[in-house]
């Protein structure tokens, strides 16, 4: 199997979405930036996306509102930056699982990807409301479909990164579309799993793995 790229290589969107207006460079700015994202995640758990305001985020982070707007154009930019951070953490976690287990086959790669996502759903603040896109109600002022990439919808953007990490598993040209379809299927079933059980219904999580693995097992035709 070809060497796997690092998650940092796989995570960068091809066309940046409405995330950070500027990236912090100095340590103090980096700390404020992360506090703002942490505050955003915490408030999502408390009031959901419709109740989220930039003013409340700045107050929770103990950061002047002007500083928030130095980093983000507004609410959508803040949510996009948090979604990007969530994706980076997911890819890092998945890459570690793959590296620890050795070269994966399709079944183990599917298990690693679903297990990492489920672990984040259970443990990462705000992830139940915003994973790589908004899970429930979408505020009118937010373009939820393109939080990660200005050209690709969120699931398509994640599929691109998964194909990169999977390497030779997904080398056939048809996997470009197949992984996007698999993402849509997994997204729907995992949403159902966490609606049925706040910790994720184990039977539905297992069905998600079976569905995705079965679908991807046959090499898809090139489009």
Protein backbone atom coordinates (compact mmCIF):
# COMPACT_ATOMS: atom_id res chain seq x y z
CA UNK A 1 0.00 0.00 0.00
CA UNK A 2 1.24 3.48 -0.78
CA UNK A 3 2.34 5.64 2.16
CA UNK A 4 -0.55 7.47 3.75
CA UNK A 5 -0.49 11.27 3.76
CA UNK A 6 -0.65 12.99 7.10
CA UNK A 7 -4.02 14.31 8.20
CA UNK A 8 -2.66 17.85 7.95
CA UNK A 9 -2.09 17.24 4.23
CA UNK A 10 -5.54 15.76 3.75
CA UNK A 11 -7.49 18.37 5.64
CA UNK A 12 -6.98 21.58 3.65
CA UNK A 13 -10.05 22.58 1.59
CA UNK A 14 -9.36 23.23 -2.11
CA UNK A 15 -11.39 26.44 -2.01
CA UNK A 16 -11.68 27.98 1.46
CA UNK A 17 -15.20 28.54 2.71
CA UNK A 18 -16.41 31.39 4.88
CA UNK A 19 -14.29 30.34 7.87
CA UNK A 20 -11.64 32.51 9.39
CA UNK A 21 -11.23 36.01 8.04
CA UNK A 22 -7.59 35.74 9.03
CA UNK A 23 -5.55 33.06 10.74
CA UNK A 24 -3.79 33.95 14.01
CA UNK A 25 0.00 33.91 14.00
CA UNK A 26 1.12 35.05 17.44
CA UNK A 27 0.55 32.73 20.40
CA UNK A 28 -1.77 35.16 22.18
CA UNK A 29 -3.93 35.49 19.07
CA UNK A 30 -3.96 31.72 18.62
CA UNK A 31 -5.17 31.27 22.20
CA UNK A 32 -7.98 33.80 21.66
CA UNK A 33 -8.95 32.15 18.40
CA UNK A 34 -9.21 28.73 20.06
CA UNK A 35 -11.16 30.20 23.00
CA UNK A 36 -13.67 31.64 20.57
CA UNK A 37 -14.14 28.26 18.90
CA UNK A 38 -14.41 26.54 22.29
CA UNK A 39 -17.01 29.09 23.38
CA UNK A 40 -18.95 28.58 20.17
CA UNK A 41 -18.97 24.80 20.73
CA UNK A 42 -20.13 25.17 24.34
CA UNK A 43 -22.94 27.56 23.41
CA UNK A 44 -24.12 25.23 20.66
CA UNK A 45 -24.66 22.56 23.31
CA UNK A 46 -26.60 25.02 25.46
CA UNK A 47 -28.75 26.91 22.96
CA UNK A 48 -28.29 25.33 19.53
CA UNK A 49 -27.33 27.15 16.36
CA UNK A 50 -30.38 29.42 16.22
CA UNK A 51 -29.65 30.83 19.68
CA UNK A 52 -25.97 31.36 18.96
CA UNK A 53 -24.77 34.97 18.66
CA UNK A 54 -21.34 36.44 18.12
CA UNK A 55 -21.88 38.65 21.17
CA UNK A 56 -22.47 35.64 23.44
CA UNK A 57 -19.48 33.82 21.98
CA UNK A 58 -17.22 36.80 22.67
CA UNK A 59 -18.55 37.12 26.22
CA UNK A 60 -18.05 33.40 26.92
CA UNK A 61 -14.53 33.51 25.50
CA UNK A 62 -13.72 36.71 27.45
CA UNK A 63 -12.62 38.31 24.20
CA UNK A 64 -13.65 41.78 22.93
CA UNK A 65 -16.29 41.58 20.20
CA UNK A 66 -13.96 43.55 17.94
CA UNK A 67 -11.37 40.81 18.26
CA UNK A 68 -13.94 38.21 17.20
CA UNK A 69 -14.64 40.23 14.05
CA UNK A 70 -10.94 40.45 13.33
CA UNK A 71 -10.99 36.68 12.94
CA UNK A 72 -14.50 36.02 11.62
CA UNK A 73 -16.86 37.93 9.35
CA UNK A 74 -19.83 36.83 11.43
CA UNK A 75 -21.81 33.83 12.66
CA UNK A 76 -21.36 31.79 9.49
CA UNK A 77 -17.61 32.31 9.54
CA UNK A 78 -17.44 31.23 13.16
CA UNK A 79 -19.44 28.07 12.46
CA UNK A 80 -17.35 27.32 9.36
CA UNK A 81 -14.12 27.63 11.33
CA UNK A 82 -15.46 25.28 14.01
CA UNK A 83 -16.54 22.78 11.34
CA UNK A 84 -13.05 22.97 9.83
CA UNK A 85 -11.50 22.32 13.25
CA UNK A 86 -13.86 19.39 13.77
CA UNK A 87 -12.85 17.92 10.43
CA UNK A 88 -9.16 18.37 11.22
CA UNK A 89 -9.61 16.54 14.55
CA UNK A 90 -11.57 13.77 12.84
CA UNK A 91 -8.89 13.27 10.19
CA UNK A 92 -6.13 13.28 12.81
CA UNK A 93 -8.00 10.70 14.88
CA UNK A 94 -8.74 8.53 11.85
CA UNK A 95 -5.12 8.70 10.68
CA UNK A 96 -3.95 7.60 14.15
CA UNK A 97 -6.38 4.67 14.16
CA UNK A 98 -5.24 3.55 10.71
CA UNK A 99 -1.55 3.89 11.61
CA UNK A 100 -1.96 1.96 14.86
CA UNK A 101 -3.82 -0.94 13.20
CA UNK A 102 -1.56 -1.26 10.16
CA UNK A 103 -2.56 -1.19 6.47
CA UNK A 104 -6.38 -1.29 6.41
CA UNK A 105 -8.79 -3.25 4.29
CA UNK A 106 -12.15 -1.76 3.39
CA UNK A 107 -13.96 -3.19 6.41
CA UNK A 108 -11.39 -1.96 8.94
CA UNK A 109 -11.17 1.48 7.31
CA UNK A 110 -14.95 1.79 7.53
CA UNK A 111 -14.86 0.71 11.18
CA UNK A 112 -12.11 3.24 11.97
CA UNK A 113 -13.96 6.10 10.27
CA UNK A 114 -17.32 5.38 11.91
CA UNK A 115 -15.77 4.70 15.32
CA UNK A 116 -13.84 7.99 15.25
CA UNK A 117 -16.97 9.91 14.27
CA UNK A 118 -19.05 8.25 16.99
CA UNK A 119 -16.36 8.93 19.60
CA UNK A 120 -16.38 12.61 18.66
CA UNK A 121 -20.18 12.71 18.78
CA UNK A 122 -20.02 11.42 22.35
CA UNK A 123 -17.08 13.44 23.64
CA UNK A 124 -16.41 16.63 21.66
CA UNK A 125 -18.33 19.74 22.82
CA UNK A 126 -20.72 21.11 20.22
CA UNK A 127 -20.23 18.16 17.86
CA UNK A 128 -23.78 16.98 18.42
CA UNK A 129 -25.03 20.21 16.81
CA UNK A 130 -22.21 20.90 14.37
CA UNK A 131 -19.99 18.12 13.06
CA UNK A 132 -18.88 19.01 9.51
CA UNK A 133 -22.14 20.87 8.96
CA UNK A 134 -25.14 21.77 11.10
CA UNK A 135 -27.03 18.72 12.32
CA UNK A 136 -30.42 20.22 13.08
CA UNK A 137 -31.93 23.67 12.52
CA UNK A 138 -30.04 25.91 10.12
CA UNK A 139 -30.26 29.68 10.74
CA UNK A 140 -31.42 31.67 7.72
CA UNK A 141 -28.17 33.66 7.57
CA UNK A 142 -25.94 30.57 7.33
CA UNK A 143 -25.05 28.68 4.12
CA UNK A 144 -24.76 25.33 5.83
CA UNK A 145 -24.03 23.34 2.68
CA UNK A 146 -20.65 25.01 2.13
CA UNK A 147 -19.13 25.48 5.56
CA UNK A 148 -16.02 23.50 4.61
CA UNK A 149 -15.55 24.43 0.96
CA UNK A 150 -16.91 27.19 -1.24
CA UNK A 151 -17.36 24.82 -4.19
CA UNK A 152 -18.12 21.41 -2.64
CA UNK A 153 -20.93 20.62 -0.23
CA UNK A 154 -19.79 19.47 3.20
CA UNK A 155 -20.13 15.71 2.65
CA UNK A 156 -18.37 15.92 -0.73
CA UNK A 157 -15.53 17.85 0.90
CA UNK A 158 -15.15 15.18 3.60
CA UNK A 159 -15.24 12.44 0.94
CA UNK A 160 -12.24 14.03 -0.80
CA UNK A 161 -10.20 13.88 2.42
CA UNK A 162 -11.26 10.28 3.15
CA UNK A 163 -10.18 9.19 -0.32
CA UNK A 164 -6.76 10.76 0.30
CA UNK A 165 -6.30 8.95 3.64
CA UNK A 166 -7.58 5.66 2.16
CA UNK A 167 -4.91 5.70 -0.54
CA UNK A 168 -4.98 2.58 -2.71
CA UNK A 169 -8.25 1.40 -1.18
CA UNK A 170 -10.02 4.11 -3.16
CA UNK A 171 -7.65 4.53 -6.11
CA UNK A 172 -10.20 3.54 -8.77
CA UNK A 173 -11.72 6.64 -10.43
CA UNK A 174 -15.28 5.62 -9.55
CA UNK A 175 -14.59 6.04 -5.82
CA UNK A 176 -14.68 9.83 -6.21
CA UNK A 177 -18.48 9.58 -6.57
CA UNK A 178 -18.94 6.41 -4.50
CA UNK A 179 -17.38 7.94 -1.40
CA UNK A 180 -19.65 10.96 -1.71
CA UNK A 181 -22.69 8.66 -1.85
CA UNK A 182 -21.33 6.65 1.09
CA UNK A 183 -20.95 9.87 3.09
CA UNK A 184 -24.58 10.80 2.45
CA UNK A 185 -25.74 7.34 3.54
CA UNK A 186 -23.56 7.28 6.66
CA UNK A 187 -24.64 10.80 7.58
CA UNK A 188 -28.33 9.85 7.43
CA UNK A 189 -27.97 6.60 9.40
CA UNK A 190 -25.73 8.11 12.09
CA UNK A 191 -28.15 11.00 12.56
CA UNK A 192 -30.85 8.39 13.11
CA UNK A 193 -28.61 6.52 15.56
CA UNK A 194 -28.14 9.62 17.72
CA UNK A 195 -31.81 10.58 17.52
CA UNK A 196 -32.71 7.13 18.80
CA UNK A 197 -30.12 7.21 21.61
CA UNK A 198 -28.12 10.24 22.85
CA UNK A 199 -25.05 7.99 23.05
CA UNK A 200 -25.69 6.49 19.61
CA UNK A 201 -27.80 3.37 19.11
CA UNK A 202 -25.29 0.48 18.79
CA UNK A 203 -27.47 -1.50 16.38
CA UNK A 204 -27.84 1.46 14.03
CA UNK A 205 -24.12 2.24 14.23
CA UNK A 206 -23.39 -1.38 13.26
CA UNK A 207 -25.88 -1.10 10.38
CA UNK A 208 -24.14 2.05 9.20
CA UNK A 209 -20.85 0.17 9.00
CA UNK A 210 -22.48 -2.76 7.18
CA UNK A 211 -24.25 -0.51 4.69
CA UNK A 212 -21.14 1.54 3.83
CA UNK A 213 -18.81 -1.45 3.63
CA UNK A 214 -21.25 -3.45 1.47
CA UNK A 215 -21.75 -0.53 -0.89
CA UNK A 216 -18.05 0.23 -1.30
CA UNK A 217 -16.95 -3.44 -1.52
CA UNK A 218 -17.53 -3.63 -5.27
CA UNK A 219 -15.21 -1.36 -7.22
CA UNK A 220 -17.48 1.31 -8.70
CA UNK A 221 -17.41 2.02 -12.45
CA UNK A 222 -15.68 5.16 -13.64
CA UNK A 223 -18.18 7.88 -14.49
